[in-house]
């Protein structure tokens, strides 16, 4: 029997250290982790990672978590809103260790993986890279942090709302993988 394959495509300033729990959860669900999205049965894209993806091929499942949209504001305004949300809702809830760990790795990946970040920055304004292009071919989620969300770009009826911060998928991956297991 062939094993199912999965690929995680990380968002801006993210990488494999953020996705350790997601990787383990995928393995627990019977997936083999691979690096190339076009070859994977399941592609998980977080935040701006959908900006790096082509449309799914036949038989692929896409799970796009908290897709970053062109909000009409400058990307630095959205980034500031996201940081402010984290300060209030993560750091403000006493999760200092998690916030420090996450922010440290965000800094590391910003410096060590600049090419994907530059591509995401350039593409977020291009209409062909809006998450809506995946709407009939993917499961798209939205959490409580709306700093990168625009209802005009990605209407509510195309989303699965999951209560949690923007990076909740890295700490609670089964909540998201359950959407794949229970899709119609």
N, C-alpha and C. Protein backbone atom coordinates (compact mmCIF):
# COMPACT_ATOMS: atom_id res chain seq x y z
N UNK A 1 0.85 -1.19 0.00
CA UNK A 1 0.00 0.00 0.00
C UNK A 1 0.89 1.24 0.00
N UNK A 2 0.60 2.20 -0.88
CA UNK A 2 1.36 3.44 -0.93
C UNK A 2 0.92 4.35 0.20
N UNK A 3 1.90 5.01 0.80
CA UNK A 3 1.54 5.93 1.89
C UNK A 3 1.09 7.26 1.31
N UNK A 4 0.30 7.97 2.06
CA UNK A 4 -0.13 9.30 1.67
C UNK A 4 1.03 10.25 1.93
N UNK A 5 1.15 11.28 1.10
CA UNK A 5 2.23 12.24 1.28
C UNK A 5 1.65 13.61 1.63
N UNK A 6 2.43 14.36 2.38
CA UNK A 6 2.01 15.71 2.78
C UNK A 6 3.20 16.66 2.70
N UNK A 7 2.91 17.89 2.38
CA UNK A 7 3.93 18.94 2.32
C UNK A 7 3.40 20.14 3.09
N UNK A 8 4.24 20.70 3.93
CA UNK A 8 3.90 21.93 4.64
C UNK A 8 4.65 23.07 3.97
N UNK A 9 3.90 24.09 3.58
CA UNK A 9 4.49 25.29 2.99
C UNK A 9 4.32 26.39 4.03
N UNK A 10 5.43 26.92 4.49
CA UNK A 10 5.43 27.87 5.60
C UNK A 10 5.24 29.29 5.13
N UNK A 11 4.59 30.09 5.97
CA UNK A 11 4.35 31.48 5.68
C UNK A 11 5.57 32.35 5.94
N UNK A 12 5.35 33.64 5.88
CA UNK A 12 6.41 34.62 6.07
C UNK A 12 7.09 34.42 7.42
N UNK A 13 8.40 34.33 7.42
CA UNK A 13 9.22 34.21 8.63
C UNK A 13 8.92 32.92 9.40
N UNK A 14 8.56 31.87 8.69
CA UNK A 14 8.29 30.58 9.32
C UNK A 14 9.11 29.49 8.67
N UNK A 15 9.24 28.39 9.40
CA UNK A 15 9.97 27.26 8.87
C UNK A 15 9.70 26.01 9.68
N UNK A 16 10.46 24.96 9.44
CA UNK A 16 10.23 23.65 10.06
C UNK A 16 10.18 23.65 11.59
N UNK A 17 10.89 24.55 12.23
CA UNK A 17 10.82 24.58 13.71
C UNK A 17 9.42 24.95 14.18
N UNK A 18 8.73 25.80 13.46
CA UNK A 18 7.35 26.13 13.82
C UNK A 18 6.44 24.92 13.63
N UNK A 19 6.71 24.13 12.61
CA UNK A 19 5.82 23.05 12.22
C UNK A 19 6.10 21.69 12.81
N UNK A 20 6.94 21.59 13.85
CA UNK A 20 7.29 20.28 14.42
C UNK A 20 6.06 19.48 14.85
N UNK A 21 5.14 20.11 15.56
CA UNK A 21 3.94 19.38 16.00
C UNK A 21 3.06 18.98 14.81
N UNK A 22 2.97 19.87 13.84
CA UNK A 22 2.17 19.57 12.64
C UNK A 22 2.80 18.38 11.92
N UNK A 23 4.11 18.38 11.79
CA UNK A 23 4.79 17.26 11.13
C UNK A 23 4.50 15.95 11.85
N UNK A 24 4.61 15.96 13.17
CA UNK A 24 4.37 14.74 13.95
C UNK A 24 2.92 14.30 13.83
N UNK A 25 2.01 15.25 13.85
CA UNK A 25 0.60 14.91 13.71
C UNK A 25 0.31 14.31 12.34
N UNK A 26 0.95 14.83 11.30
CA UNK A 26 0.78 14.25 9.97
C UNK A 26 1.28 12.81 9.93
N UNK A 27 2.43 12.58 10.53
CA UNK A 27 2.98 11.21 10.59
C UNK A 27 2.00 10.31 11.35
N UNK A 28 1.46 10.82 12.45
CA UNK A 28 0.49 10.04 13.24
C UNK A 28 -0.78 9.74 12.44
N UNK A 29 -1.11 10.60 11.47
CA UNK A 29 -2.27 10.39 10.61
C UNK A 29 -1.93 9.53 9.39
N UNK A 30 -0.69 9.03 9.32
CA UNK A 30 -0.31 8.12 8.25
C UNK A 30 0.33 8.77 7.04
N UNK A 31 0.76 10.02 7.16
CA UNK A 31 1.38 10.71 6.04
C UNK A 31 2.90 10.60 6.10
N UNK A 32 3.51 10.63 4.94
CA UNK A 32 4.95 10.78 4.80
C UNK A 32 5.18 12.22 4.39
N UNK A 33 6.08 12.91 5.08
CA UNK A 33 6.36 14.31 4.79
C UNK A 33 7.33 14.41 3.62
N UNK A 34 6.97 15.22 2.64
CA UNK A 34 7.85 15.48 1.50
C UNK A 34 8.02 16.99 1.34
N UNK A 35 8.97 17.39 0.51
CA UNK A 35 9.30 18.82 0.39
C UNK A 35 8.66 19.52 -0.81
N UNK A 36 8.14 18.80 -1.77
CA UNK A 36 7.64 19.42 -2.99
C UNK A 36 6.11 19.41 -3.03
N UNK A 37 5.47 20.57 -2.97
CA UNK A 37 4.01 20.62 -2.95
C UNK A 37 3.34 19.96 -4.16
N UNK A 38 3.92 20.06 -5.32
CA UNK A 38 3.29 19.49 -6.52
C UNK A 38 3.22 17.97 -6.46
N UNK A 39 4.05 17.33 -5.65
CA UNK A 39 4.07 15.87 -5.55
C UNK A 39 3.26 15.34 -4.37
N UNK A 40 2.76 16.23 -3.53
CA UNK A 40 2.09 15.82 -2.29
C UNK A 40 0.60 15.57 -2.50
N UNK A 41 0.07 14.61 -1.76
CA UNK A 41 -1.38 14.37 -1.75
C UNK A 41 -2.09 15.47 -0.97
N UNK A 42 -1.45 15.92 0.11
CA UNK A 42 -1.98 16.97 0.97
C UNK A 42 -0.95 18.09 1.07
N UNK A 43 -1.40 19.31 0.80
CA UNK A 43 -0.54 20.48 0.95
C UNK A 43 -1.16 21.37 2.01
N UNK A 44 -0.36 21.67 3.02
CA UNK A 44 -0.80 22.57 4.08
C UNK A 44 -0.02 23.86 3.91
N UNK A 45 -0.74 24.96 3.73
CA UNK A 45 -0.12 26.27 3.54
C UNK A 45 -0.62 27.20 4.64
N UNK A 46 0.30 27.82 5.35
CA UNK A 46 -0.07 28.72 6.43
C UNK A 46 0.20 30.17 6.03
N UNK A 47 -0.74 31.04 6.34
CA UNK A 47 -0.59 32.47 6.20
C UNK A 47 -0.33 32.86 4.74
N UNK A 48 0.81 33.46 4.45
CA UNK A 48 1.12 33.89 3.08
C UNK A 48 1.63 32.79 2.19
N UNK A 49 1.74 31.57 2.69
CA UNK A 49 2.30 30.48 1.89
C UNK A 49 1.47 30.18 0.64
N UNK A 50 0.17 30.45 0.66
CA UNK A 50 -0.65 30.20 -0.53
C UNK A 50 -0.15 31.03 -1.70
N UNK A 51 0.55 32.13 -1.42
CA UNK A 51 1.10 32.98 -2.47
C UNK A 51 2.20 32.29 -3.27
N UNK A 52 2.73 31.21 -2.72
CA UNK A 52 3.81 30.47 -3.37
C UNK A 52 3.31 29.25 -4.13
N UNK A 53 2.00 28.98 -4.06
CA UNK A 53 1.45 27.74 -4.61
C UNK A 53 0.77 27.94 -5.95
N UNK A 54 0.82 26.90 -6.77
CA UNK A 54 0.02 26.82 -7.98
C UNK A 54 -1.30 26.18 -7.60
N UNK A 55 -2.25 26.22 -8.51
CA UNK A 55 -3.53 25.57 -8.24
C UNK A 55 -3.31 24.07 -8.06
N UNK A 56 -4.12 23.43 -7.22
CA UNK A 56 -3.93 22.00 -6.97
C UNK A 56 -4.13 21.19 -8.25
N UNK A 57 -3.37 20.12 -8.34
CA UNK A 57 -3.56 19.17 -9.43
C UNK A 57 -4.66 18.20 -9.01
N UNK A 58 -5.16 17.44 -9.93
CA UNK A 58 -6.21 16.48 -9.64
C UNK A 58 -5.76 15.51 -8.54
N UNK A 59 -6.61 15.30 -7.56
CA UNK A 59 -6.31 14.37 -6.48
C UNK A 59 -5.59 15.00 -5.29
N UNK A 60 -5.19 16.25 -5.41
CA UNK A 60 -4.53 16.90 -4.29
C UNK A 60 -5.56 17.57 -3.39
N UNK A 61 -5.25 17.61 -2.11
CA UNK A 61 -6.05 18.33 -1.15
C UNK A 61 -5.20 19.48 -0.62
N UNK A 62 -5.77 20.66 -0.60
CA UNK A 62 -5.09 21.83 -0.02
C UNK A 62 -5.82 22.23 1.26
N UNK A 63 -5.04 22.50 2.28
CA UNK A 63 -5.55 23.08 3.52
C UNK A 63 -4.79 24.39 3.70
N UNK A 64 -5.50 25.49 3.54
CA UNK A 64 -4.89 26.81 3.65
C UNK A 64 -5.35 27.43 4.96
N UNK A 65 -4.41 27.65 5.85
CA UNK A 65 -4.72 28.10 7.22
C UNK A 65 -4.41 29.59 7.36
N UNK A 66 -5.42 30.36 7.73
CA UNK A 66 -5.30 31.81 7.93
C UNK A 66 -4.60 32.49 6.75
N UNK A 67 -5.20 32.34 5.58
CA UNK A 67 -4.62 32.89 4.36
C UNK A 67 -4.47 34.41 4.45
N UNK A 68 -3.29 34.90 4.18
CA UNK A 68 -3.06 36.35 4.15
C UNK A 68 -3.64 36.91 2.87
N UNK A 69 -4.40 37.99 3.00
CA UNK A 69 -5.04 38.63 1.86
C UNK A 69 -4.53 40.05 1.69
N UNK A 70 -4.73 40.58 0.51
CA UNK A 70 -4.52 42.00 0.28
C UNK A 70 -5.69 42.70 0.95
N UNK A 71 -5.42 43.44 2.00
CA UNK A 71 -6.48 44.09 2.78
C UNK A 71 -6.77 45.50 2.32
N UNK A 72 -5.95 46.01 1.41
CA UNK A 72 -6.07 47.41 1.01
C UNK A 72 -5.16 48.30 1.85
N UNK A 73 -4.65 47.76 2.94
CA UNK A 73 -3.68 48.48 3.76
C UNK A 73 -2.29 48.06 3.33
N UNK A 74 -1.30 48.84 3.70
CA UNK A 74 0.08 48.46 3.42
C UNK A 74 0.42 47.20 4.23
N UNK A 75 1.28 46.35 3.68
CA UNK A 75 1.63 45.11 4.36
C UNK A 75 2.26 45.36 5.73
N UNK A 76 2.97 46.46 5.89
CA UNK A 76 3.57 46.76 7.19
C UNK A 76 2.50 47.14 8.22
N UNK A 77 1.39 47.73 7.76
CA UNK A 77 0.27 48.02 8.65
C UNK A 77 -0.35 46.70 9.12
N UNK A 78 -0.53 45.75 8.19
CA UNK A 78 -1.06 44.44 8.56
C UNK A 78 -0.12 43.73 9.53
N UNK A 79 1.19 43.80 9.26
CA UNK A 79 2.17 43.16 10.14
C UNK A 79 2.11 43.77 11.53
N UNK A 80 1.99 45.09 11.60
CA UNK A 80 1.88 45.75 12.91
C UNK A 80 0.63 45.27 13.64
N UNK A 81 -0.48 45.19 12.94
CA UNK A 81 -1.74 44.71 13.55
C UNK A 81 -1.58 43.28 14.07
N UNK A 82 -0.87 42.45 13.29
CA UNK A 82 -0.62 41.07 13.72
C UNK A 82 0.24 41.03 14.98
N UNK A 83 1.30 41.79 15.00
CA UNK A 83 2.18 41.83 16.19
C UNK A 83 1.39 42.35 17.38
N UNK A 84 0.57 43.37 17.17
CA UNK A 84 -0.24 43.92 18.27
C UNK A 84 -1.21 42.85 18.80
N UNK A 85 -1.84 42.12 17.89
CA UNK A 85 -2.74 41.04 18.31
C UNK A 85 -1.98 40.03 19.18
N UNK A 86 -0.81 39.62 18.72
CA UNK A 86 0.00 38.67 19.49
C UNK A 86 0.37 39.23 20.86
N UNK A 87 0.75 40.49 20.91
CA UNK A 87 1.12 41.10 22.20
C UNK A 87 -0.06 41.08 23.17
N UNK A 88 -1.23 41.40 22.67
CA UNK A 88 -2.42 41.45 23.53
C UNK A 88 -2.92 40.05 23.89
N UNK A 89 -3.03 39.17 22.90
CA UNK A 89 -3.70 37.89 23.12
C UNK A 89 -2.79 36.72 23.46
N UNK A 90 -1.53 36.79 23.11
CA UNK A 90 -0.61 35.71 23.45
C UNK A 90 0.24 36.11 24.64
N UNK A 91 0.98 37.18 24.46
CA UNK A 91 1.82 37.66 25.55
C UNK A 91 0.95 38.13 26.71
N UNK A 92 -0.16 38.80 26.38
CA UNK A 92 -1.09 39.29 27.41
C UNK A 92 -1.75 38.17 28.19
N UNK A 93 -1.79 36.97 27.64
CA UNK A 93 -2.36 35.82 28.35
C UNK A 93 -1.30 34.99 29.05
N UNK A 94 -0.11 35.58 29.21
CA UNK A 94 0.94 34.93 29.99
C UNK A 94 1.72 33.86 29.27
N UNK A 95 1.67 33.83 27.94
CA UNK A 95 2.38 32.82 27.18
C UNK A 95 3.74 33.35 26.74
N UNK A 96 4.49 33.87 27.69
CA UNK A 96 5.78 34.49 27.43
C UNK A 96 6.76 33.51 26.78
N UNK A 97 6.86 32.30 27.30
CA UNK A 97 7.80 31.32 26.76
C UNK A 97 7.48 30.99 25.30
N UNK A 98 6.21 30.73 25.00
CA UNK A 98 5.82 30.43 23.63
C UNK A 98 6.09 31.64 22.73
N UNK A 99 5.70 32.83 23.17
CA UNK A 99 5.88 34.02 22.35
C UNK A 99 7.36 34.27 22.06
N UNK A 100 8.21 34.12 23.06
CA UNK A 100 9.64 34.29 22.87
C UNK A 100 10.21 33.27 21.91
N UNK A 101 9.81 32.01 22.06
CA UNK A 101 10.28 30.94 21.18
C UNK A 101 9.86 31.21 19.73
N UNK A 102 8.58 31.51 19.54
CA UNK A 102 8.03 31.76 18.21
C UNK A 102 8.71 32.96 17.56
N UNK A 103 8.87 34.03 18.30
CA UNK A 103 9.47 35.25 17.77
C UNK A 103 10.95 35.03 17.43
N UNK A 104 11.66 34.27 18.26
CA UNK A 104 13.05 33.96 17.96
C UNK A 104 13.15 33.26 16.61
N UNK A 105 12.32 32.22 16.40
CA UNK A 105 12.37 31.49 15.14
C UNK A 105 11.88 32.33 13.97
N UNK A 106 10.93 33.24 14.21
CA UNK A 106 10.53 34.17 13.15
C UNK A 106 11.72 35.00 12.68
N UNK A 107 12.51 35.47 13.61
CA UNK A 107 13.72 36.26 13.27
C UNK A 107 14.73 35.41 12.52
N UNK A 108 14.96 34.18 12.99
CA UNK A 108 15.91 33.29 12.32
C UNK A 108 15.48 33.04 10.88
N UNK A 109 14.20 32.71 10.66
CA UNK A 109 13.73 32.40 9.31
C UNK A 109 13.67 33.64 8.42
N UNK A 110 13.45 34.80 8.99
CA UNK A 110 13.50 36.03 8.20
C UNK A 110 14.89 36.22 7.61
N UNK A 111 15.92 35.91 8.39
CA UNK A 111 17.30 36.09 7.93
C UNK A 111 17.79 34.95 7.05
N UNK A 112 17.34 33.73 7.32
CA UNK A 112 17.88 32.57 6.60
C UNK A 112 17.05 32.15 5.39
N UNK A 113 15.82 32.62 5.27
CA UNK A 113 14.96 32.24 4.15
C UNK A 113 14.32 33.48 3.53
N UNK A 114 15.12 34.40 3.01
CA UNK A 114 14.56 35.66 2.50
C UNK A 114 13.80 35.52 1.17
N UNK A 115 14.15 34.56 0.34
CA UNK A 115 13.54 34.45 -0.99
C UNK A 115 12.03 34.20 -0.91
N UNK A 116 11.55 33.21 -0.13
CA UNK A 116 10.09 33.04 -0.04
C UNK A 116 9.40 34.29 0.52
N UNK A 117 10.04 34.96 1.47
CA UNK A 117 9.45 36.16 2.06
C UNK A 117 9.32 37.27 1.01
N UNK A 118 10.32 37.43 0.19
CA UNK A 118 10.28 38.45 -0.87
C UNK A 118 9.19 38.11 -1.88
N UNK A 119 9.08 36.85 -2.25
CA UNK A 119 8.03 36.44 -3.19
C UNK A 119 6.64 36.72 -2.61
N UNK A 120 6.43 36.38 -1.33
CA UNK A 120 5.14 36.63 -0.70
C UNK A 120 4.83 38.12 -0.68
N UNK A 121 5.82 38.92 -0.33
CA UNK A 121 5.64 40.38 -0.27
C UNK A 121 5.23 40.92 -1.63
N UNK A 122 5.86 40.47 -2.69
CA UNK A 122 5.56 40.96 -4.04
C UNK A 122 4.20 40.48 -4.53
N UNK A 123 3.85 39.25 -4.21
CA UNK A 123 2.63 38.65 -4.77
C UNK A 123 1.35 39.01 -4.02
N UNK A 124 1.44 39.46 -2.80
CA UNK A 124 0.21 39.69 -2.04
C UNK A 124 -0.68 40.75 -2.69
N UNK A 125 -0.11 41.60 -3.51
CA UNK A 125 -0.90 42.64 -4.19
C UNK A 125 -1.42 42.20 -5.55
N UNK A 126 -0.92 41.13 -6.08
CA UNK A 126 -1.31 40.67 -7.42
C UNK A 126 -2.63 39.92 -7.34
N UNK A 127 -3.62 40.28 -8.16
CA UNK A 127 -4.95 39.64 -8.06
C UNK A 127 -4.94 38.13 -8.29
N UNK A 128 -4.01 37.60 -9.08
CA UNK A 128 -4.00 36.16 -9.34
C UNK A 128 -3.56 35.35 -8.13
N UNK A 129 -3.00 36.00 -7.12
CA UNK A 129 -2.51 35.28 -5.96
C UNK A 129 -3.44 35.41 -4.76
N UNK A 130 -4.63 35.81 -4.98
CA UNK A 130 -5.59 35.90 -3.87
C UNK A 130 -6.03 34.49 -3.48
N UNK A 131 -6.26 34.26 -2.19
CA UNK A 131 -6.66 32.91 -1.76
C UNK A 131 -7.97 32.44 -2.38
N UNK A 132 -8.80 33.36 -2.84
CA UNK A 132 -10.08 32.99 -3.46
C UNK A 132 -9.88 32.06 -4.66
N UNK A 133 -8.73 32.13 -5.30
CA UNK A 133 -8.48 31.25 -6.45
C UNK A 133 -8.52 29.78 -6.05
N UNK A 134 -8.36 29.49 -4.76
CA UNK A 134 -8.39 28.12 -4.26
C UNK A 134 -9.76 27.73 -3.70
N UNK A 135 -10.71 28.66 -3.68
CA UNK A 135 -11.94 28.48 -2.90
C UNK A 135 -12.72 27.21 -3.20
N UNK A 136 -12.75 26.76 -4.42
CA UNK A 136 -13.51 25.54 -4.71
C UNK A 136 -12.63 24.29 -4.65
N UNK A 137 -11.32 24.48 -4.40
CA UNK A 137 -10.38 23.36 -4.44
C UNK A 137 -9.64 23.15 -3.13
N UNK A 138 -10.00 23.91 -2.11
CA UNK A 138 -9.24 23.84 -0.86
C UNK A 138 -10.15 24.09 0.33
N UNK A 139 -9.67 23.65 1.47
CA UNK A 139 -10.29 24.03 2.73
C UNK A 139 -9.49 25.22 3.23
N UNK A 140 -10.17 26.33 3.47
CA UNK A 140 -9.50 27.55 3.90
C UNK A 140 -10.05 27.93 5.27
N UNK A 141 -9.14 28.15 6.23
CA UNK A 141 -9.57 28.50 7.58
C UNK A 141 -9.22 29.95 7.90
N UNK A 142 -9.89 30.48 8.89
CA UNK A 142 -9.60 31.81 9.42
C UNK A 142 -9.75 31.77 10.93
N UNK A 143 -8.76 32.29 11.63
CA UNK A 143 -8.79 32.35 13.08
C UNK A 143 -9.26 33.70 13.58
N UNK A 144 -9.00 33.97 14.84
CA UNK A 144 -9.45 35.20 15.48
C UNK A 144 -8.62 36.42 15.10
N UNK A 145 -7.39 36.25 14.69
CA UNK A 145 -6.52 37.36 14.28
C UNK A 145 -6.88 37.73 12.85
N UNK A 146 -7.54 38.86 12.68
CA UNK A 146 -8.02 39.28 11.36
C UNK A 146 -7.12 40.33 10.71
N UNK A 147 -5.87 40.44 11.16
CA UNK A 147 -4.99 41.48 10.64
C UNK A 147 -4.67 41.29 9.15
N UNK A 148 -4.75 40.07 8.63
CA UNK A 148 -4.47 39.81 7.22
C UNK A 148 -5.72 39.39 6.45
N UNK A 149 -6.88 39.48 7.04
CA UNK A 149 -8.12 39.01 6.43
C UNK A 149 -8.88 40.16 5.79
N UNK A 150 -9.45 39.91 4.62
CA UNK A 150 -10.27 40.89 3.92
C UNK A 150 -11.50 40.16 3.39
N UNK A 151 -12.69 40.43 3.94
CA UNK A 151 -13.89 39.72 3.49
C UNK A 151 -14.25 39.99 2.03
N UNK A 152 -13.78 41.10 1.47
CA UNK A 152 -14.04 41.38 0.05
C UNK A 152 -13.21 40.46 -0.84
N UNK A 153 -12.05 40.03 -0.35
CA UNK A 153 -11.17 39.16 -1.13
C UNK A 153 -11.51 37.70 -0.90
N UNK A 154 -11.87 37.36 0.31
CA UNK A 154 -12.18 35.97 0.66
C UNK A 154 -13.47 35.96 1.48
N UNK A 155 -14.62 35.80 0.83
CA UNK A 155 -15.90 35.87 1.51
C UNK A 155 -16.08 34.81 2.60
N UNK A 156 -16.88 35.16 3.57
CA UNK A 156 -17.13 34.32 4.74
C UNK A 156 -17.63 32.93 4.36
N UNK A 157 -18.47 32.82 3.35
CA UNK A 157 -19.03 31.51 3.01
C UNK A 157 -17.99 30.55 2.46
N UNK A 158 -16.79 31.02 2.19
CA UNK A 158 -15.74 30.16 1.69
C UNK A 158 -14.74 29.74 2.76
N UNK A 159 -15.04 30.06 4.02
CA UNK A 159 -14.10 29.82 5.11
C UNK A 159 -14.65 28.88 6.16
N UNK A 160 -13.72 28.24 6.85
CA UNK A 160 -14.03 27.51 8.07
C UNK A 160 -13.40 28.32 9.19
N UNK A 161 -14.21 28.87 10.08
CA UNK A 161 -13.67 29.66 11.18
C UNK A 161 -13.27 28.74 12.33
N UNK A 162 -12.05 28.92 12.81
CA UNK A 162 -11.54 28.17 13.95
C UNK A 162 -11.00 29.18 14.94
N UNK A 163 -11.56 29.18 16.13
CA UNK A 163 -11.12 30.13 17.14
C UNK A 163 -9.69 29.83 17.58
N UNK A 164 -8.84 30.83 17.49
CA UNK A 164 -7.45 30.69 17.88
C UNK A 164 -6.62 31.79 17.24
N UNK A 165 -5.41 31.96 17.72
CA UNK A 165 -4.54 32.98 17.16
C UNK A 165 -4.00 32.52 15.80
N UNK A 166 -3.29 33.41 15.14
CA UNK A 166 -2.80 33.15 13.78
C UNK A 166 -1.90 31.92 13.71
N UNK A 167 -1.14 31.64 14.74
CA UNK A 167 -0.21 30.51 14.74
C UNK A 167 -0.73 29.30 15.52
N UNK A 168 -2.02 29.27 15.78
CA UNK A 168 -2.63 28.17 16.54
C UNK A 168 -2.38 26.81 15.88
N UNK A 169 -2.30 26.78 14.56
CA UNK A 169 -2.11 25.50 13.86
C UNK A 169 -0.80 24.83 14.25
N UNK A 170 0.20 25.60 14.63
CA UNK A 170 1.49 25.01 15.00
C UNK A 170 1.43 24.38 16.39
N UNK A 171 0.55 24.85 17.24
CA UNK A 171 0.41 24.27 18.59
C UNK A 171 -0.69 23.23 18.67
N UNK A 172 -1.70 23.34 17.84
CA UNK A 172 -2.87 22.45 17.88
C UNK A 172 -3.19 21.92 16.49
N UNK A 173 -2.27 21.19 15.88
CA UNK A 173 -2.46 20.78 14.48
C UNK A 173 -3.65 19.85 14.25
N UNK A 174 -4.01 19.05 15.23
CA UNK A 174 -5.11 18.10 15.02
C UNK A 174 -6.44 18.80 14.75
N UNK A 175 -6.62 20.00 15.29
CA UNK A 175 -7.85 20.76 15.02
C UNK A 175 -8.00 21.01 13.53
N UNK A 176 -6.90 21.20 12.85
CA UNK A 176 -6.90 21.51 11.42
C UNK A 176 -6.91 20.24 10.57
N UNK A 177 -6.15 19.25 10.99
CA UNK A 177 -6.13 17.99 10.26
C UNK A 177 -7.47 17.28 10.33
N UNK A 178 -8.22 17.50 11.40
CA UNK A 178 -9.56 16.92 11.50
C UNK A 178 -10.47 17.43 10.37
N UNK A 179 -10.20 18.63 9.87
CA UNK A 179 -10.99 19.15 8.74
C UNK A 179 -10.78 18.30 7.50
N UNK A 180 -9.56 17.79 7.33
CA UNK A 180 -9.25 16.93 6.18
C UNK A 180 -9.93 15.57 6.38
N UNK A 181 -9.82 15.04 7.60
CA UNK A 181 -10.39 13.72 7.88
C UNK A 181 -11.91 13.70 7.76
N UNK A 182 -12.56 14.85 7.99
CA UNK A 182 -14.02 14.89 8.01
C UNK A 182 -14.61 15.71 6.86
N UNK A 183 -13.85 15.92 5.81
CA UNK A 183 -14.39 16.70 4.69
C UNK A 183 -15.44 15.87 3.96
N UNK A 184 -16.40 16.59 3.34
CA UNK A 184 -17.47 15.87 2.62
C UNK A 184 -16.97 15.13 1.41
